[in-house]
Protein backbone atom coordinates (compact mmCIF):
# COMPACT_ATOMS: atom_id res chain seq x y z
CA MET A 1 260.50 171.66 88.63
CA ASP A 2 264.00 171.74 90.08
CA ILE A 3 265.23 168.55 91.74
CA ILE A 4 267.53 168.88 94.72
CA ASN A 5 269.37 165.70 95.64
CA ILE A 6 269.63 165.95 99.41
CA ASP A 7 272.18 163.12 99.61
CA ASP A 8 274.64 165.27 97.64
CA LEU A 9 274.40 168.28 99.98
CA SER A 10 276.62 168.83 102.97
CA PRO A 11 274.85 170.61 105.86
CA ASP A 12 277.22 173.59 105.65
CA LYS A 13 276.14 174.22 102.04
CA ILE A 14 272.49 174.73 103.01
CA ASN A 15 272.34 178.44 103.75
CA SER A 16 270.36 181.45 102.65
CA GLU A 17 272.52 182.02 99.58
CA PHE A 18 272.11 178.43 98.39
CA CYS A 19 268.36 178.52 98.96
CA ARG A 20 268.02 181.84 97.12
CA SER A 21 269.69 180.17 94.14
CA LEU A 22 266.83 177.62 94.10
CA LEU A 23 264.20 180.34 93.81
CA LYS A 24 263.93 181.24 90.14
CA ASP A 25 260.54 182.87 90.63
CA ILE A 26 259.82 183.97 94.19
CA LYS A 27 256.07 184.06 93.48
CA ASN A 28 255.88 180.51 92.15
CA ILE A 29 258.21 177.95 93.74
CA ASN A 30 258.21 174.35 92.59
CA LEU A 31 260.94 172.15 94.08
CA CYS A 32 261.51 168.43 94.54
CA PHE A 33 263.80 167.14 97.26
CA GLU A 34 265.00 163.65 96.40
CA PHE A 35 266.59 161.69 99.24
CA LYS A 36 267.47 158.26 100.54
CA SER A 37 265.07 157.00 103.16
CA ASP A 38 267.27 157.75 106.15
CA PHE A 39 266.65 159.98 109.16
CA THR A 40 269.96 161.79 108.65
CA ASN A 41 268.48 163.50 105.56
CA THR A 42 265.61 165.13 107.44
CA LYS A 43 267.80 167.94 108.81
CA ASN A 44 268.97 169.02 105.35
CA ILE A 45 265.40 169.13 104.03
CA ARG A 46 264.24 171.00 107.13
CA ASP A 47 267.06 173.55 106.78
CA CYS A 48 266.24 174.16 103.10
CA VAL A 49 262.56 174.72 103.82
CA LEU A 50 263.37 176.95 106.80
CA ASN A 51 265.69 179.14 104.71
CA ILE A 52 263.13 179.40 101.90
CA LEU A 53 260.35 180.42 104.32
CA ASP A 54 262.64 183.01 105.85
CA ILE A 55 263.44 184.44 102.41
CA LEU A 56 259.68 184.66 101.75
CA TRP A 57 259.13 186.60 105.01
CA VAL A 58 257.08 183.90 106.69
CA SER A 59 256.75 184.64 110.41
CA PRO A 60 259.13 182.81 112.76
CA ILE A 61 256.27 180.94 114.40
CA TRP A 62 255.15 179.50 111.05
CA GLN A 63 258.74 178.72 110.13
CA ARG A 64 258.98 176.60 113.29
CA ARG A 65 255.63 174.98 112.63
CA PHE A 66 256.75 174.03 109.14
CA VAL A 67 259.91 172.50 110.57
CA LEU A 68 257.60 170.29 112.65
CA ILE A 69 255.44 169.47 109.61
CA VAL A 70 258.45 168.64 107.41
CA ASP A 71 259.94 166.46 110.14
CA GLU A 72 256.70 164.64 110.79
CA LEU A 73 255.93 163.94 107.12
CA ASN A 74 259.46 162.79 106.33
CA ASN A 75 259.96 160.79 109.50
CA ASN A 76 256.67 158.97 109.01
CA ALA A 77 257.55 158.16 105.40
CA ILE A 78 260.94 156.87 106.50
CA GLU A 79 259.75 155.02 109.59
CA TYR A 80 256.56 153.43 108.27
CA TRP A 81 256.51 153.28 104.49
CA SER A 82 260.02 153.00 103.08
CA ASP A 83 262.94 150.63 103.34
CA LYS A 84 266.13 152.29 104.57
CA GLY A 85 268.16 153.59 101.64
CA SER A 86 265.33 153.58 99.11
CA ILE A 87 264.47 156.89 97.42
CA ASN A 88 261.72 159.20 98.69
CA HIS A 89 260.58 162.57 97.34
CA MET A 90 259.30 165.70 98.99
CA TYR A 91 257.69 168.33 96.77
CA LEU A 92 257.48 171.93 97.92
CA LYS A 93 255.14 174.18 95.96
CA ILE A 94 254.60 177.74 97.06
CA LYS A 95 252.53 180.48 95.47
CA ARG A 96 253.23 183.89 96.92
CA TYR A 97 250.76 186.73 96.71
CA ASP A 98 250.97 190.27 98.09
CA ASP A 99 250.01 189.48 101.67
CA TRP A 100 249.66 185.69 101.84
CA ILE A 101 251.22 182.49 100.56
CA ASN A 102 249.85 179.07 99.75
CA ILE A 103 252.22 176.27 100.74
CA ASN A 104 251.73 172.78 99.40
CA LEU A 105 254.00 170.05 100.73
CA GLU A 106 253.86 166.50 99.44
CA VAL A 107 255.91 163.48 100.50
CA GLU A 108 256.01 160.44 98.28
CA ASP A 109 257.51 157.33 99.81
CA ASN A 110 258.32 154.08 98.07
CA TRP A 111 255.78 151.86 99.84
CA ASN A 112 258.34 149.11 100.44
CA TRP A 113 257.63 148.62 104.11
CA LYS A 114 256.08 145.30 105.18
CA CYS A 115 253.07 147.09 106.71
CA SER A 116 252.60 149.90 104.17
CA LYS A 117 249.10 151.23 103.75
CA THR A 118 247.04 152.49 100.85
CA ALA A 119 245.54 155.96 100.82
CA ARG A 120 242.14 154.49 101.74
CA GLU A 121 243.66 152.65 104.70
CA MET A 122 245.36 155.86 105.84
CA GLU A 123 242.05 157.77 105.65
CA ASP A 124 240.35 155.05 107.69
CA LEU A 125 243.16 155.16 110.24
CA ARG A 126 242.95 158.95 110.48
CA ASN A 127 239.19 158.85 111.04
CA LYS A 128 239.60 156.22 113.73
CA LYS A 129 242.37 158.14 115.54
CA VAL A 130 240.52 161.46 115.35
CA SER A 131 237.33 159.97 116.78
CA MET A 132 239.19 158.06 119.52
CA TRP A 133 241.53 160.52 121.12
CA PHE A 134 242.03 163.97 119.64
CA ASP A 135 239.92 165.84 122.16
CA ASN A 136 241.36 164.09 125.22
CA HIS A 137 245.02 163.71 124.26
CA LYS A 138 247.16 165.81 126.64
CA SER A 139 250.63 164.28 126.26
CA ILE A 140 253.32 165.89 124.14
CA ARG A 141 254.45 162.37 123.14
CA TRP A 142 252.67 159.90 120.86
CA ARG A 143 250.75 162.56 118.99
CA GLY A 144 251.53 161.07 115.62
CA LEU A 145 251.03 162.27 112.09
CA PHE A 146 247.32 162.88 112.35
CA MET A 147 247.24 165.04 115.47
CA ILE A 148 250.32 167.11 114.67
CA ILE A 149 249.54 167.71 111.04
CA THR A 150 245.76 168.04 111.30
CA ASN A 151 246.09 170.77 113.94
CA LEU A 152 248.54 172.82 111.86
CA VAL A 153 247.37 172.66 108.25
CA ASP A 154 244.28 173.54 106.28
CA GLU A 155 244.20 170.25 104.36
CA LEU A 156 245.75 166.80 104.71
CA TYR A 157 245.12 163.99 102.29
CA PHE A 158 246.53 160.70 101.14
CA LYS A 159 246.82 159.50 97.59
CA ASP A 160 248.12 156.34 95.95
CA SER A 161 250.85 157.22 93.49
CA ASN A 162 250.82 155.84 89.96
CA LYS A 163 254.16 154.21 90.91
CA TRP A 164 252.36 152.25 93.67
CA TRP A 165 253.75 154.59 96.30
CA LEU A 166 251.89 156.51 98.99
CA ILE A 167 251.63 160.30 98.80
CA VAL A 168 250.91 162.37 101.91
CA TRP A 169 249.94 165.92 100.97
CA ILE A 170 249.27 169.04 103.03
CA ASN A 171 248.17 172.53 102.16
CA LYS A 172 248.41 175.69 104.26
CA ILE A 173 247.60 179.33 103.56
CA ILE A 174 249.57 181.76 105.69
CA SER A 175 249.06 185.48 106.02
CA LEU A 176 252.23 187.51 105.61
CA LYS A 177 250.69 190.56 107.29
CA SER A 178 251.16 189.14 110.79
CA LYS A 179 254.94 189.06 110.53
């Protein structure tokens, strides 16, 4: 697994050529973005993922949806589960087949926030939110992690890390035929 330290990258360095250099095997991608818990890093991660998805011929609509997913996962980890400046990780694993890809995205925060939650607490919160307001929520604001992510991905789960951190994991299979 290649580790990309986001804090060391200037935004102008993140381009198609740089992202191609990260892809040793275009059919099996396994990257880790390591970054300080700070909102300024979200753009660099988003731009890397966007370039990689473009290289893999993912449709523009799914590229934009993954920008939303990356932002939501990272921003939630930064806002709710990590102290500013502590180190978080985002893992991007992609398996590419002839006409579809499987994208697995995992964010591991450092669980240093005063109100951090365990995986079980996050599952309970998700179930409560889904049963309370998913069907009747019309606003574009205050959608939160559960509504945005649940409506876009095939799987969403929470796991307690062996480092006592929280892991938020998503999985999505995308057809490449509908490009």
